[in-house]
Amino acid sequence: MSAKLDVSVFDRDALRHGGYLYTTNAPLSSQLATQRTIDIVQLRLAGRSVLDIGCGDGFYLIRFFDCGSPRKITGIDASQEAVRVASINRQSRPIQFVVGDARRLPFPDNSFDSALIQSILHHSDAPLDIVREAFRVAPEIVIHEPNGNNLGLKVIEKLSRYHREHREKSYTSYQMKNWIRNVGGEVTYERFAGFVPMFCPDGVAHVMKAIEPVVERIPLLNFLACAVVVLVAKRSA
């Protein structure tokens, strides 16, 4: 039996702020970063039934719904307070939010078309278990994670109080692709995107957003400098 998850810091954030710090009354940098995520991920979910594993306060799922992308959406998160906030924020939208452990999902095999693993692997000490469970409930998975190839991000993880409190530790794209292969998956799409780090000053955010398209377009530079990586994988035949 896996150890009980400690999500107290996420419960605290949701209780104090009515959501997470990068989604509720967020600074410009976080607004730019989250919008870039929405832009690149929603295209991978269009017309499908989707489980968002680690949905948090529901910020992304609600926006995916409003963009008209997924056909059906369910979110699951271990933080009861985050799920409570998500349930309030959805208003009348037909989105289901559930409290549960990403390592032991309370859904039958093949319950969804796609499973979205969005920015939770870097909080976990058992990321392989999450990837395996995602493939159990869906034949296709979409992983969105901080780009662990970015050395600047490694520095931020050590120096930022927020990152330390939330036990953030990014993984390289090679590590994540290796997990996918280990559980019988095959990567079909890879993209490095975004350049604006969350919680940076507005002036820095404006400059980095301006050069973001250039950084995203140049091979190797995007591998080393982009903020996030998106991987799409399917079960191997």
C-alpha atoms as a PDB file:
ATOM      1  CA  MET A   1       0.000   0.000   0.000  1.00  0.00           C
ATOM      2  CA  SER A   2       1.404   3.396  -0.974  1.00  0.00           C
ATOM      3  CA  ALA A   3       2.033   5.941   1.757  1.00  0.00           C
ATOM      4  CA  LYS A   4      -0.629   8.569   2.301  1.00  0.00           C
ATOM      5  CA  LEU A   5      -0.033  11.693   0.251  1.00  0.00           C
ATOM      6  CA  ASP A   6       0.874  14.890   2.089  1.00  0.00           C
ATOM      7  CA  VAL A   7      -1.099  17.608   0.329  1.00  0.00           C
ATOM      8  CA  SER A   8      -1.293  19.964   3.302  1.00  0.00           C
ATOM      9  CA  VAL A   9       0.517  22.804   1.489  1.00  0.00           C
ATOM     10  CA  PHE A  10      -2.014  22.641  -1.354  1.00  0.00           C
ATOM     11  CA  ASP A  11      -4.930  22.514   1.083  1.00  0.00           C
ATOM     12  CA  ARG A  12      -3.467  25.571   2.778  1.00  0.00           C
ATOM     13  CA  ASP A  13      -3.088  27.503  -0.481  1.00  0.00           C
ATOM     14  CA  ALA A  14      -6.637  26.739  -1.585  1.00  0.00           C
ATOM     15  CA  LEU A  15      -8.066  27.629   1.828  1.00  0.00           C
ATOM     16  CA  ARG A  16      -6.155  30.901   2.241  1.00  0.00           C
ATOM     17  CA  HIS A  17      -6.395  32.229  -1.293  1.00  0.00           C
ATOM     18  CA  GLY A  18      -9.523  30.633  -2.731  1.00  0.00           C
ATOM     19  CA  GLY A  19      -7.289  28.781  -5.198  1.00  0.00           C
ATOM     20  CA  TYR A  20      -3.618  28.416  -6.023  1.00  0.00           C
ATOM     21  CA  LEU A  21      -1.185  31.324  -5.997  1.00  0.00           C
ATOM     22  CA  TYR A  22      -0.516  31.160  -9.738  1.00  0.00           C
ATOM     23  CA  THR A  23      -4.238  31.144 -10.646  1.00  0.00           C
ATOM     24  CA  THR A  24      -5.939  33.410  -8.090  1.00  0.00           C
ATOM     25  CA  ASN A  25      -5.114  37.127  -8.243  1.00  0.00           C
ATOM     26  CA  ALA A  26      -2.012  35.962 -10.087  1.00  0.00           C
ATOM     27  CA  PRO A  27       0.817  38.304 -11.129  1.00  0.00           C
ATOM     28  CA  LEU A  28       1.341  39.055 -14.819  1.00  0.00           C
ATOM     29  CA  SER A  29       4.049  36.409 -15.210  1.00  0.00           C
ATOM     30  CA  SER A  30       1.734  33.667 -13.957  1.00  0.00           C
ATOM     31  CA  GLN A  31      -1.091  34.885 -16.182  1.00  0.00           C
ATOM     32  CA  LEU A  32       1.166  34.715 -19.239  1.00  0.00           C
ATOM     33  CA  ALA A  33       2.539  31.300 -18.282  1.00  0.00           C
ATOM     34  CA  THR A  34      -0.858  29.729 -17.593  1.00  0.00           C
ATOM     35  CA  GLN A  35      -2.322  31.122 -20.819  1.00  0.00           C
ATOM     36  CA  ARG A  36       0.533  29.588 -22.816  1.00  0.00           C
ATOM     37  CA  THR A  37      -0.238  26.257 -21.182  1.00  0.00           C
ATOM     38  CA  ILE A  38      -3.907  26.553 -22.115  1.00  0.00           C
ATOM     39  CA  ASP A  39      -2.991  27.385 -25.711  1.00  0.00           C
ATOM     40  CA  ILE A  40      -0.751  24.365 -26.240  1.00  0.00           C
ATOM     41  CA  VAL A  41      -2.609  21.729 -24.215  1.00  0.00           C
ATOM     42  CA  GLN A  42      -6.202  22.354 -25.292  1.00  0.00           C
ATOM     43  CA  LEU A  43      -5.397  21.382 -28.876  1.00  0.00           C
ATOM     44  CA  ARG A  44      -4.460  17.879 -27.698  1.00  0.00           C
ATOM     45  CA  LEU A  45      -7.823  17.372 -25.940  1.00  0.00           C
ATOM     46  CA  ALA A  46     -10.330  18.493 -28.567  1.00  0.00           C
ATOM     47  CA  GLY A  47     -13.400  16.298 -28.896  1.00  0.00           C
ATOM     48  CA  ARG A  48     -12.265  13.717 -26.338  1.00  0.00           C
ATOM     49  CA  SER A  49     -13.390  12.527 -22.912  1.00  0.00           C
ATOM     50  CA  VAL A  50     -10.612  13.629 -20.568  1.00  0.00           C
ATOM     51  CA  LEU A  51      -9.481  12.861 -17.034  1.00  0.00           C
ATOM     52  CA  ASP A  52      -7.310  15.607 -15.536  1.00  0.00           C
ATOM     53  CA  ILE A  53      -5.081  13.873 -12.985  1.00  0.00           C
ATOM     54  CA  GLY A  54      -4.086  16.458 -10.396  1.00  0.00           C
ATOM     55  CA  CYS A  55      -6.662  19.055 -11.411  1.00  0.00           C
ATOM     56  CA  GLY A  56      -5.963  21.292  -8.414  1.00  0.00           C
ATOM     57  CA  ASP A  57      -8.350  24.222  -8.096  1.00  0.00           C
ATOM     58  CA  GLY A  58      -9.899  23.484 -11.512  1.00  0.00           C
ATOM     59  CA  PHE A  59      -8.416  26.572 -13.158  1.00  0.00           C
ATOM     60  CA  TYR A  60      -7.250  24.781 -16.306  1.00  0.00           C
ATOM     61  CA  LEU A  61     -10.186  22.408 -16.683  1.00  0.00           C
ATOM     62  CA  ILE A  62     -12.699  25.234 -16.531  1.00  0.00           C
ATOM     63  CA  ARG A  63     -10.832  27.101 -19.246  1.00  0.00           C
ATOM     64  CA  PHE A  64     -10.533  23.995 -21.402  1.00  0.00           C
ATOM     65  CA  PHE A  65     -14.301  23.619 -21.123  1.00  0.00           C
ATOM     66  CA  ASP A  66     -14.891  27.269 -21.983  1.00  0.00           C
ATOM     67  CA  CYS A  67     -12.668  26.905 -25.049  1.00  0.00           C
ATOM     68  CA  GLY A  68     -14.947  24.108 -26.246  1.00  0.00           C
ATOM     69  CA  SER A  69     -12.154  21.546 -26.483  1.00  0.00           C
ATOM     70  CA  PRO A  70     -12.918  18.300 -24.591  1.00  0.00           C
ATOM     71  CA  ARG A  71     -16.192  16.441 -25.113  1.00  0.00           C
ATOM     72  CA  LYS A  72     -16.371  15.385 -21.449  1.00  0.00           C
ATOM     73  CA  ILE A  73     -14.179  16.424 -18.521  1.00  0.00           C
ATOM     74  CA  THR A  74     -13.453  14.935 -15.102  1.00  0.00           C
ATOM     75  CA  GLY A  75     -10.858  16.226 -12.647  1.00  0.00           C
ATOM     76  CA  ILE A  76      -9.286  14.407  -9.708  1.00  0.00           C
ATOM     77  CA  ASP A  77      -6.963  15.722  -7.010  1.00  0.00           C
ATOM     78  CA  ALA A  78      -5.778  14.601  -3.589  1.00  0.00           C
ATOM     79  CA  SER A  79      -6.347  18.046  -2.040  1.00  0.00           C
ATOM     80  CA  GLN A  80      -9.857  18.249  -0.620  1.00  0.00           C
ATOM     81  CA  GLU A  81      -9.682  22.035  -0.338  1.00  0.00           C
ATOM     82  CA  ALA A  82      -8.584  22.404  -3.967  1.00  0.00           C
ATOM     83  CA  VAL A  83     -11.426  20.172  -5.156  1.00  0.00           C
ATOM     84  CA  ARG A  84     -13.853  22.188  -3.025  1.00  0.00           C
ATOM     85  CA  VAL A  85     -12.684  25.406  -4.704  1.00  0.00           C
ATOM     86  CA  ALA A  86     -12.883  23.766  -8.130  1.00  0.00           C
ATOM     87  CA  SER A  87     -16.447  22.633  -7.463  1.00  0.00           C
ATOM     88  CA  ILE A  88     -17.437  26.192  -6.556  1.00  0.00           C
ATOM     89  CA  ASN A  89     -15.671  27.767  -9.520  1.00  0.00           C
ATOM     90  CA  ARG A  90     -17.212  25.447 -12.106  1.00  0.00           C
ATOM     91  CA  GLN A  91     -20.622  27.057 -11.406  1.00  0.00           C
ATOM     92  CA  SER A  92     -23.133  25.345 -13.728  1.00  0.00           C
ATOM     93  CA  ARG A  93     -20.557  23.778 -16.046  1.00  0.00           C
ATOM     94  CA  PRO A  94     -20.957  19.974 -16.403  1.00  0.00           C
ATOM     95  CA  ILE A  95     -17.498  19.189 -15.013  1.00  0.00           C
ATOM     96  CA  GLN A  96     -17.024  16.513 -12.365  1.00  0.00           C
ATOM     97  CA  PHE A  97     -14.406  16.989  -9.656  1.00  0.00           C
ATOM     98  CA  VAL A  98     -13.335  14.080  -7.439  1.00  0.00           C
ATOM     99  CA  VAL A  99     -10.983  13.734  -4.456  1.00  0.00           C
ATOM    100  CA  GLY A 100      -8.572  10.865  -5.014  1.00  0.00           C
ATOM    101  CA  ASP A 101      -5.009   9.572  -5.277  1.00  0.00           C
ATOM    102  CA  ALA A 102      -3.331   9.765  -8.704  1.00  0.00           C
ATOM    103  CA  ARG A 103      -1.475   6.547  -7.894  1.00  0.00           C
ATOM    104  CA  ARG A 104      -4.732   4.599  -7.387  1.00  0.00           C
ATOM    105  CA  LEU A 105      -7.397   6.125  -9.607  1.00  0.00           C
ATOM    106  CA  PRO A 106     -11.012   5.211  -8.709  1.00  0.00           C
ATOM    107  CA  PHE A 107     -12.020   4.526 -12.316  1.00  0.00           C
ATOM    108  CA  PRO A 108     -12.293   1.322 -14.383  1.00  0.00           C
ATOM    109  CA  ASP A 109      -9.865   0.544 -17.179  1.00  0.00           C
ATOM    110  CA  ASN A 110     -10.338   2.588 -20.363  1.00  0.00           C
ATOM    111  CA  SER A 111     -12.831   5.004 -18.792  1.00  0.00           C
ATOM    112  CA  PHE A 112     -11.526   7.964 -20.826  1.00  0.00           C
ATOM    113  CA  ASP A 113     -10.108   8.773 -24.251  1.00  0.00           C
ATOM    114  CA  SER A 114      -7.236  10.779 -22.784  1.00  0.00           C
ATOM    115  CA  ALA A 115      -5.636  11.252 -19.382  1.00  0.00           C
ATOM    116  CA  LEU A 116      -4.010  14.627 -18.753  1.00  0.00           C
ATOM    117  CA  ILE A 117      -1.107  14.623 -16.303  1.00  0.00           C
ATOM    118  CA  GLN A 118      -0.625  18.325 -15.809  1.00  0.00           C
ATOM    119  CA  SER A 119       2.209  19.540 -13.626  1.00  0.00           C
ATOM    120  CA  ILE A 120       1.966  16.970 -10.850  1.00  0.00           C
ATOM    121  CA  LEU A 121       4.852  14.620 -11.627  1.00  0.00           C
ATOM    122  CA  HIS A 122       7.322  17.183 -10.286  1.00  0.00           C
ATOM    123  CA  HIS A 123       5.545  17.050  -6.919  1.00  0.00           C
ATOM    124  CA  SER A 124       5.658  13.255  -6.729  1.00  0.00           C
ATOM    125  CA  ASP A 125       8.231  10.765  -5.459  1.00  0.00           C
ATOM    126  CA  ALA A 126       6.486   8.020  -7.473  1.00  0.00           C
ATOM    127  CA  PRO A 127       5.934   9.534 -10.946  1.00  0.00           C
ATOM    128  CA  LEU A 128       6.123   6.162 -12.682  1.00  0.00           C
ATOM    129  CA  ASP A 129       3.083   4.963 -10.706  1.00  0.00           C
ATOM    130  CA  ILE A 130       1.087   7.976 -11.909  1.00  0.00           C
ATOM    131  CA  VAL A 131       2.030   7.392 -15.553  1.00  0.00           C
ATOM    132  CA  ARG A 132       1.124   3.700 -15.250  1.00  0.00           C
ATOM    133  CA  GLU A 133      -2.290   4.512 -13.753  1.00  0.00           C
ATOM    134  CA  ALA A 134      -2.965   7.108 -16.437  1.00  0.00           C
ATOM    135  CA  PHE A 135      -2.390   4.496 -19.135  1.00  0.00           C
ATOM    136  CA  ARG A 136      -4.729   2.116 -17.321  1.00  0.00           C
ATOM    137  CA  VAL A 137      -7.708   4.466 -17.520  1.00  0.00           C
ATOM    138  CA  ALA A 138      -6.972   5.887 -20.999  1.00  0.00           C
ATOM    139  CA  PRO A 139      -5.183   4.661 -24.155  1.00  0.00           C
ATOM    140  CA  GLU A 140      -3.585   8.093 -24.627  1.00  0.00           C
ATOM    141  CA  ILE A 141      -1.920  10.381 -22.117  1.00  0.00           C
ATOM    142  CA  VAL A 142      -0.888  14.034 -22.303  1.00  0.00           C
ATOM    143  CA  ILE A 143       1.901  15.102 -19.967  1.00  0.00           C
ATOM    144  CA  HIS A 144       2.526  18.786 -19.255  1.00  0.00           C
ATOM    145  CA  GLU A 145       5.482  19.439 -16.947  1.00  0.00           C
ATOM    146  CA  PRO A 146       8.119  22.037 -16.137  1.00  0.00           C
ATOM    147  CA  ASN A 147      11.054  21.557 -18.507  1.00  0.00           C
ATOM    148  CA  GLY A 148      13.676  19.769 -16.429  1.00  0.00           C
ATOM    149  CA  ASN A 149      16.240  20.262 -19.203  1.00  0.00           C
ATOM    150  CA  ASN A 150      16.290  23.962 -18.233  1.00  0.00           C
ATOM    151  CA  LEU A 151      19.171  24.572 -15.815  1.00  0.00           C
ATOM    152  CA  GLY A 152      17.698  27.913 -14.796  1.00  0.00           C
ATOM    153  CA  LEU A 153      14.662  26.078 -13.489  1.00  0.00           C
ATOM    154  CA  LYS A 154      16.920  23.901 -11.337  1.00  0.00           C
ATOM    155  CA  VAL A 155      18.325  27.041  -9.741  1.00  0.00           C
ATOM    156  CA  ILE A 156      14.845  28.447  -9.123  1.00  0.00           C
ATOM    157  CA  GLU A 157      13.809  25.190  -7.442  1.00  0.00           C
ATOM    158  CA  LYS A 158      16.636  25.602  -4.943  1.00  0.00           C
ATOM    159  CA  LEU A 159      16.280  29.331  -4.287  1.00  0.00           C
ATOM    160  CA  SER A 160      12.525  29.957  -4.458  1.00  0.00           C
ATOM    161  CA  ARG A 161      10.682  29.603  -1.175  1.00  0.00           C
ATOM    162  CA  TYR A 162       7.484  28.698  -3.053  1.00  0.00           C
ATOM    163  CA  HIS A 163       9.206  25.903  -4.969  1.00  0.00           C
ATOM    164  CA  ARG A 164      10.808  24.521  -1.802  1.00  0.00           C
ATOM    165  CA  GLU A 165       7.560  24.591   0.171  1.00  0.00           C
ATOM    166  CA  HIS A 166       5.770  22.715  -2.623  1.00  0.00           C
ATOM    167  CA  ARG A 167       8.611  20.184  -2.948  1.00  0.00           C
ATOM    168  CA  GLU A 168       9.071  20.910  -6.639  1.00  0.00           C
ATOM    169  CA  LYS A 169      11.691  18.926  -8.535  1.00  0.00           C
ATOM    170  CA  SER A 170      11.554  18.995 -12.306  1.00  0.00           C
ATOM    171  CA  TYR A 171      12.359  15.984 -14.485  1.00  0.00           C
ATOM    172  CA  THR A 172      14.062  15.928 -17.872  1.00  0.00           C
ATOM    173  CA  SER A 173      12.150  15.019 -21.016  1.00  0.00           C
ATOM    174  CA  TYR A 174      14.390  11.951 -21.308  1.00  0.00           C
ATOM    175  CA  GLN A 175      13.303  10.725 -17.861  1.00  0.00           C
ATOM    176  CA  MET A 176       9.628  11.187 -18.673  1.00  0.00           C
ATOM    177  CA  LYS A 177       9.938   9.427 -22.037  1.00  0.00           C
ATOM    178  CA  ASN A 178      11.707   6.580 -20.276  1.00  0.00           C
ATOM    179  CA  TRP A 179       8.800   6.225 -17.812  1.00  0.00           C
ATOM    180  CA  ILE A 180       6.385   6.097 -20.734  1.00  0.00           C
ATOM    181  CA  ARG A 181       8.382   3.318 -22.392  1.00  0.00           C
ATOM    182  CA  ASN A 182       8.668   1.405 -19.100  1.00  0.00           C
ATOM    183  CA  VAL A 183       4.876   1.131 -18.793  1.00  0.00           C
ATOM    184  CA  GLY A 184       4.359   0.133 -22.416  1.00  0.00           C
ATOM    185  CA  GLY A 185       3.757   3.514 -24.017  1.00  0.00           C
ATOM    186  CA  GLU A 186       5.041   5.226 -27.131  1.00  0.00           C
ATOM    187  CA  VAL A 187       5.634   8.975 -27.466  1.00  0.00           C
ATOM    188  CA  THR A 188       3.811  10.429 -30.475  1.00  0.00           C
ATOM    189  CA  TYR A 189       4.320  14.164 -29.885  1.00  0.00           C
ATOM    190  CA  GLU A 190       6.828  16.353 -28.065  1.00  0.00           C
ATOM    191  CA  ARG A 191       6.881  20.124 -27.735  1.00  0.00           C
ATOM    192  CA  PHE A 192       8.869  22.629 -25.702  1.00  0.00           C
ATOM    193  CA  ALA A 193       6.993  25.858 -25.071  1.00  0.00           C
ATOM    194  CA  GLY A 194       6.731  28.966 -22.908  1.00  0.00           C
ATOM    195  CA  PHE A 195       9.544  31.158 -21.683  1.00  0.00           C
ATOM    196  CA  VAL A 196       8.015  33.291 -18.933  1.00  0.00           C
ATOM    197  CA  PRO A 197       8.718  31.944 -15.423  1.00  0.00           C
ATOM    198  CA  MET A 198       5.946  32.296 -12.877  1.00  0.00           C
ATOM    199  CA  PHE A 199       6.336  34.900 -10.129  1.00  0.00           C
ATOM    200  CA  CYS A 200       8.953  36.991 -11.944  1.00  0.00           C
ATOM    201  CA  PRO A 201       8.695  40.838 -12.046  1.00  0.00           C
ATOM    202  CA  ASP A 202       6.329  42.344 -14.620  1.00  0.00           C
ATOM    203  CA  GLY A 203       9.144  44.000 -16.575  1.00  0.00           C
ATOM    204  CA  VAL A 204      10.996  40.712 -16.926  1.00  0.00           C
ATOM    205  CA  ALA A 205       7.758  38.964 -17.905  1.00  0.00           C
ATOM    206  CA  HIS A 206       7.117  41.477 -20.717  1.00  0.00           C
ATOM    207  CA  VAL A 207      10.627  41.045 -22.142  1.00  0.00           C
ATOM    208  CA  MET A 208      10.580  37.250 -21.954  1.00  0.00           C
ATOM    209  CA  LYS A 209       7.126  37.082 -23.522  1.00  0.00           C
ATOM    210  CA  ALA A 210       8.337  39.209 -26.424  1.00  0.00           C
ATOM    211  CA  ILE A 211      11.161  36.815 -27.259  1.00  0.00           C
ATOM    212  CA  GLU A 212       9.212  33.659 -26.399  1.00  0.00           C
ATOM    213  CA  PRO A 213       8.238  32.850 -30.040  1.00  0.00           C
ATOM    214  CA  VAL A 214      11.902  32.939 -31.093  1.00  0.00           C
ATOM    215  CA  VAL A 215      12.978  30.685 -28.218  1.00  0.00           C
ATOM    216  CA  GLU A 216      10.224  28.195 -29.019  1.00  0.00           C
ATOM    217  CA  ARG A 217      11.196  27.966 -32.709  1.00  0.00           C
ATOM    218  CA  ILE A 218      14.920  27.239 -32.390  1.00  0.00           C
ATOM    219  CA  PRO A 219      15.898  23.582 -31.842  1.00  0.00           C
ATOM    220  CA  LEU A 220      18.174  22.922 -28.876  1.00  0.00           C
ATOM    221  CA  LEU A 221      17.460  26.415 -27.553  1.00  0.00           C
ATOM    222  CA  ASN A 222      13.846  25.410 -26.897  1.00  0.00           C
ATOM    223  CA  PHE A 223      15.086  22.133 -25.374  1.00  0.00           C
ATOM    224  CA  LEU A 224      17.314  24.018 -22.927  1.00  0.00           C
ATOM    225  CA  ALA A 225      15.403  27.261 -22.317  1.00  0.00           C
ATOM    226  CA  CYS A 226      11.649  26.733 -22.626  1.00  0.00           C
ATOM    227  CA  ALA A 227       9.607  26.658 -19.442  1.00  0.00           C
ATOM    228  CA  VAL A 228       7.510  23.547 -20.077  1.00  0.00           C
ATOM    229  CA  VAL A 229       7.420  20.367 -22.121  1.00  0.00           C
ATOM    230  CA  VAL A 230       4.334  18.625 -23.491  1.00  0.00           C
ATOM    231  CA  LEU A 231       4.447  14.927 -24.318  1.00  0.00           C
ATOM    232  CA  VAL A 232       1.632  12.934 -25.901  1.00  0.00           C
ATOM    233  CA  ALA A 233       1.892   9.150 -25.753  1.00  0.00           C
ATOM    234  CA  LYS A 234      -0.264   6.154 -26.601  1.00  0.00           C
ATOM    235  CA  ARG A 235      -0.185   2.536 -25.543  1.00  0.00           C
ATOM    236  CA  SER A 236       2.102   0.509 -27.736  1.00  0.00           C
ATOM    237  CA  ALA A 237       0.340  -2.027 -29.949  1.00  0.00           C
END
